[in-house]
Structures are given as C-alpha cells and as structure tokens.
Amino acid sequence: MPAKFDLQKAIAGEPIQTRDGRKARFIAHVPEAPAQPVAAHIEGEASIEVFGLDGSWWSPGSTRDRDL
C-alpha cells in the first residue's frame, strides 16, 4: 500500500503514486481552488487530474484507486 500523500514532500520532488500503485507526477498546488488544489499526472492517463489536499481524487474521506 502506498504511503499517505504528503503535499510538502510532493512539492519537494519526492515520488508519488496512486493507491493502486501507478506512478504519478506532481504538477501544481493551486490554493485558490480549495476543493481540489492539487494537480498531478497519473502514469497511463491522457490528462492531468486534480485532487484534494489529502490526495483524494473524488472527495475527501472516500477511497478510490486513483487517490494519491
């Protein structure tokens, strides 16, 4: 199971991955978008995805394979 998402470590360049083990690349933190302020690209996906501060892909507290 991947480590819990840590925004500060992602900003510093540490590797991140999804809950299902795919590599992800941190793109940006956009505080002005409070619902989903984290942007990242997931390996194999055609677009950039957005996430909550806790790395959740859909909504805080939910569990999905795409969570960081």
Protein backbone atom coordinates (compact mmCIF):
# COMPACT_ATOMS: atom_id res chain seq x y z
CA MET A 1 0.00 0.00 0.00
CA PRO A 2 1.41 3.43 -0.89
CA ALA A 3 2.42 5.86 1.81
CA LYS A 4 -0.06 8.55 2.81
CA PHE A 5 0.06 11.52 0.42
CA ASP A 6 2.17 14.39 1.77
CA LEU A 7 1.79 17.62 -0.20
CA GLN A 8 5.01 19.17 1.09
CA LYS A 9 7.04 16.10 0.09
CA ALA A 10 5.39 16.09 -3.34
CA ILE A 11 6.25 19.78 -3.80
CA ALA A 12 9.85 18.95 -2.79
CA GLY A 13 10.00 16.38 -5.59
CA GLU A 14 9.58 13.10 -3.72
CA PRO A 15 7.92 10.37 -5.81
CA ILE A 16 4.17 9.91 -5.52
CA GLN A 17 1.87 7.15 -6.68
CA THR A 18 -1.77 6.20 -6.74
CA ARG A 19 -3.43 3.87 -4.26
CA ASP A 20 -3.32 1.14 -6.94
CA GLY A 21 0.45 1.61 -7.41
CA ARG A 22 0.71 3.66 -10.60
CA LYS A 23 3.40 6.33 -10.74
CA ALA A 24 2.20 9.91 -10.61
CA ARG A 25 3.94 13.23 -11.16
CA PHE A 26 3.09 16.27 -9.06
CA ILE A 27 2.24 19.25 -11.29
CA ALA A 28 1.00 22.08 -9.05
CA HIS A 29 -0.61 23.22 -5.84
CA VAL A 30 -3.30 25.84 -6.50
CA PRO A 31 -4.57 27.16 -3.14
CA GLU A 32 -7.19 29.30 -4.93
CA ALA A 33 -9.03 26.06 -5.81
CA PRO A 34 -9.85 24.87 -2.29
CA ALA A 35 -11.92 21.80 -3.22
CA GLN A 36 -9.19 20.20 -5.37
CA PRO A 37 -6.00 22.26 -5.18
CA VAL A 38 -3.50 19.57 -6.21
CA ALA A 39 -2.78 18.75 -9.86
CA ALA A 40 -0.90 15.62 -10.90
CA HIS A 41 -0.46 13.36 -13.90
CA ILE A 42 -1.04 9.63 -13.41
CA GLU A 43 1.02 7.21 -15.50
CA GLY A 44 -1.01 5.95 -18.46
CA GLU A 45 -3.65 8.69 -18.29
CA ALA A 46 -4.27 11.14 -21.14
CA SER A 47 -4.89 14.18 -18.94
CA ILE A 48 -3.91 15.87 -15.71
CA GLU A 49 -6.12 15.05 -12.71
CA VAL A 50 -6.97 17.19 -9.68
CA PHE A 51 -7.01 16.06 -6.05
CA GLY A 52 -7.83 17.26 -2.56
CA LEU A 53 -5.09 18.23 -0.09
CA ASP A 54 -5.16 14.70 1.31
CA GLY A 55 -4.57 13.22 -2.16
CA SER A 56 -8.18 12.13 -2.63
CA TRP A 57 -9.26 12.02 -6.27
CA TRP A 58 -13.02 12.29 -5.83
CA SER A 59 -13.89 13.65 -2.41
CA PRO A 60 -12.15 13.82 0.97
CA GLY A 61 -12.69 10.72 3.04
CA SER A 62 -13.54 8.49 0.06
CA THR A 63 -11.24 5.72 -1.15
CA ARG A 64 -10.53 5.28 -4.85
CA ASP A 65 -7.75 3.58 -6.84
CA ARG A 66 -6.70 6.98 -8.23
CA ASP A 67 -6.10 8.52 -4.80
CA LEU A 68 -2.52 9.64 -4.29
